[in-house]
Amino acid sequence: MMTINVGVLPAIIVVMRLRRRTQTRSRVKERNTAFFILALGIVIAPTPLGQGIFNAIKQLVSGVSQADT
């Protein structure tokens, strides 16, 4: 029996949609891409990978805000 991670399918869809050549896209296509990216973020967020990304961004923002003051 083969299993697949729930985050793999949205990730593949996002990569395929963003790899296309830059052309004028309809609002529906742009909305669908944004939806897939949001769904991918929701699926990845509670995982260790998502928490690592969150911590890295938090440290980056913290460093930038400290450098600004």
C-alpha atoms as a PDB file:
ATOM      1  CA  MET A   1       0.000   0.000   0.000  1.00  0.00           C
ATOM      2  CA  MET A   2       1.337   3.418  -0.931  1.00  0.00           C
ATOM      3  CA  THR A   3       0.762   6.495   1.218  1.00  0.00           C
ATOM      4  CA  ILE A   4       1.269  10.142   0.367  1.00  0.00           C
ATOM      5  CA  ASN A   5       1.767  13.112   2.629  1.00  0.00           C
ATOM      6  CA  VAL A   6      -1.173  15.527   2.561  1.00  0.00           C
ATOM      7  CA  GLY A   7       1.144  18.477   1.904  1.00  0.00           C
ATOM      8  CA  VAL A   8       2.743  16.968  -1.188  1.00  0.00           C
ATOM      9  CA  LEU A   9      -0.172  17.475  -3.589  1.00  0.00           C
ATOM     10  CA  PRO A  10      -0.679  21.199  -2.860  1.00  0.00           C
ATOM     11  CA  ALA A  11       3.102  21.681  -3.039  1.00  0.00           C
ATOM     12  CA  ILE A  12       3.244  20.048  -6.471  1.00  0.00           C
ATOM     13  CA  ILE A  13       0.307  22.156  -7.685  1.00  0.00           C
ATOM     14  CA  VAL A  14       1.927  25.370  -6.420  1.00  0.00           C
ATOM     15  CA  VAL A  15       5.275  24.551  -8.040  1.00  0.00           C
ATOM     16  CA  MET A  16       3.645  23.680 -11.362  1.00  0.00           C
ATOM     17  CA  ARG A  17       1.525  26.842 -11.359  1.00  0.00           C
ATOM     18  CA  LEU A  18       4.477  29.079 -10.501  1.00  0.00           C
ATOM     19  CA  ARG A  19       6.798  27.458 -13.062  1.00  0.00           C
ATOM     20  CA  ARG A  20       4.661  28.618 -15.977  1.00  0.00           C
ATOM     21  CA  ARG A  21       5.951  31.427 -18.107  1.00  0.00           C
ATOM     22  CA  THR A  22       4.903  34.872 -17.052  1.00  0.00           C
ATOM     23  CA  GLN A  23       1.794  35.658 -19.026  1.00  0.00           C
ATOM     24  CA  THR A  24      -1.345  37.537 -18.376  1.00  0.00           C
ATOM     25  CA  ARG A  25      -3.475  35.348 -16.173  1.00  0.00           C
ATOM     26  CA  SER A  26      -7.126  35.598 -15.415  1.00  0.00           C
ATOM     27  CA  ARG A  27      -8.309  36.543 -11.969  1.00  0.00           C
ATOM     28  CA  VAL A  28      -9.672  33.027 -11.514  1.00  0.00           C
ATOM     29  CA  LYS A  29      -6.236  31.485 -12.122  1.00  0.00           C
ATOM     30  CA  GLU A  30      -4.608  33.961  -9.744  1.00  0.00           C
ATOM     31  CA  ARG A  31      -7.268  33.255  -7.109  1.00  0.00           C
ATOM     32  CA  ASN A  32      -6.780  29.498  -7.489  1.00  0.00           C
ATOM     33  CA  THR A  33      -3.013  29.849  -7.086  1.00  0.00           C
ATOM     34  CA  ALA A  34      -3.515  31.911  -3.936  1.00  0.00           C
ATOM     35  CA  PHE A  35      -5.963  29.288  -2.636  1.00  0.00           C
ATOM     36  CA  PHE A  36      -3.460  26.455  -3.189  1.00  0.00           C
ATOM     37  CA  ILE A  37      -0.696  28.421  -1.467  1.00  0.00           C
ATOM     38  CA  LEU A  38      -2.997  29.120   1.492  1.00  0.00           C
ATOM     39  CA  ALA A  39      -4.010  25.445   1.679  1.00  0.00           C
ATOM     40  CA  LEU A  40      -0.347  24.411   1.577  1.00  0.00           C
ATOM     41  CA  GLY A  41       0.433  26.815   4.408  1.00  0.00           C
ATOM     42  CA  ILE A  42      -2.411  25.469   6.516  1.00  0.00           C
ATOM     43  CA  VAL A  43      -1.266  21.877   5.964  1.00  0.00           C
ATOM     44  CA  ILE A  44       2.414  22.619   6.670  1.00  0.00           C
ATOM     45  CA  ALA A  45       1.898  24.924   9.692  1.00  0.00           C
ATOM     46  CA  PRO A  46       1.439  22.295  12.440  1.00  0.00           C
ATOM     47  CA  THR A  47       4.317  20.119  11.201  1.00  0.00           C
ATOM     48  CA  PRO A  48       7.903  20.347  12.469  1.00  0.00           C
ATOM     49  CA  LEU A  49       8.893  21.845   9.093  1.00  0.00           C
ATOM     50  CA  GLY A  50       6.228  24.538   9.444  1.00  0.00           C
ATOM     51  CA  GLN A  51       7.315  25.315  12.997  1.00  0.00           C
ATOM     52  CA  GLY A  52      10.943  25.583  11.849  1.00  0.00           C
ATOM     53  CA  ILE A  53       9.980  28.021   9.090  1.00  0.00           C
ATOM     54  CA  PHE A  54       7.909  30.021  11.586  1.00  0.00           C
ATOM     55  CA  ASN A  55      10.817  30.214  14.044  1.00  0.00           C
ATOM     56  CA  ALA A  56      13.256  31.242  11.286  1.00  0.00           C
ATOM     57  CA  ILE A  57      10.945  34.044  10.144  1.00  0.00           C
ATOM     58  CA  LYS A  58      10.377  35.116  13.750  1.00  0.00           C
ATOM     59  CA  GLN A  59      14.143  35.371  14.327  1.00  0.00           C
ATOM     60  CA  LEU A  60      14.598  37.293  11.084  1.00  0.00           C
ATOM     61  CA  VAL A  61      11.880  39.796  12.007  1.00  0.00           C
ATOM     62  CA  SER A  62      13.288  40.096  15.514  1.00  0.00           C
ATOM     63  CA  GLY A  63      16.779  40.811  14.126  1.00  0.00           C
ATOM     64  CA  VAL A  64      15.470  43.399  11.688  1.00  0.00           C
ATOM     65  CA  SER A  65      13.401  45.155  14.348  1.00  0.00           C
ATOM     66  CA  GLN A  66      16.372  45.255  16.745  1.00  0.00           C
ATOM     67  CA  ALA A  67      18.643  46.614  14.003  1.00  0.00           C
ATOM     68  CA  ASP A  68      16.073  49.309  13.258  1.00  0.00           C
ATOM     69  CA  THR A  69      16.088  50.710  16.799  1.00  0.00           C
END
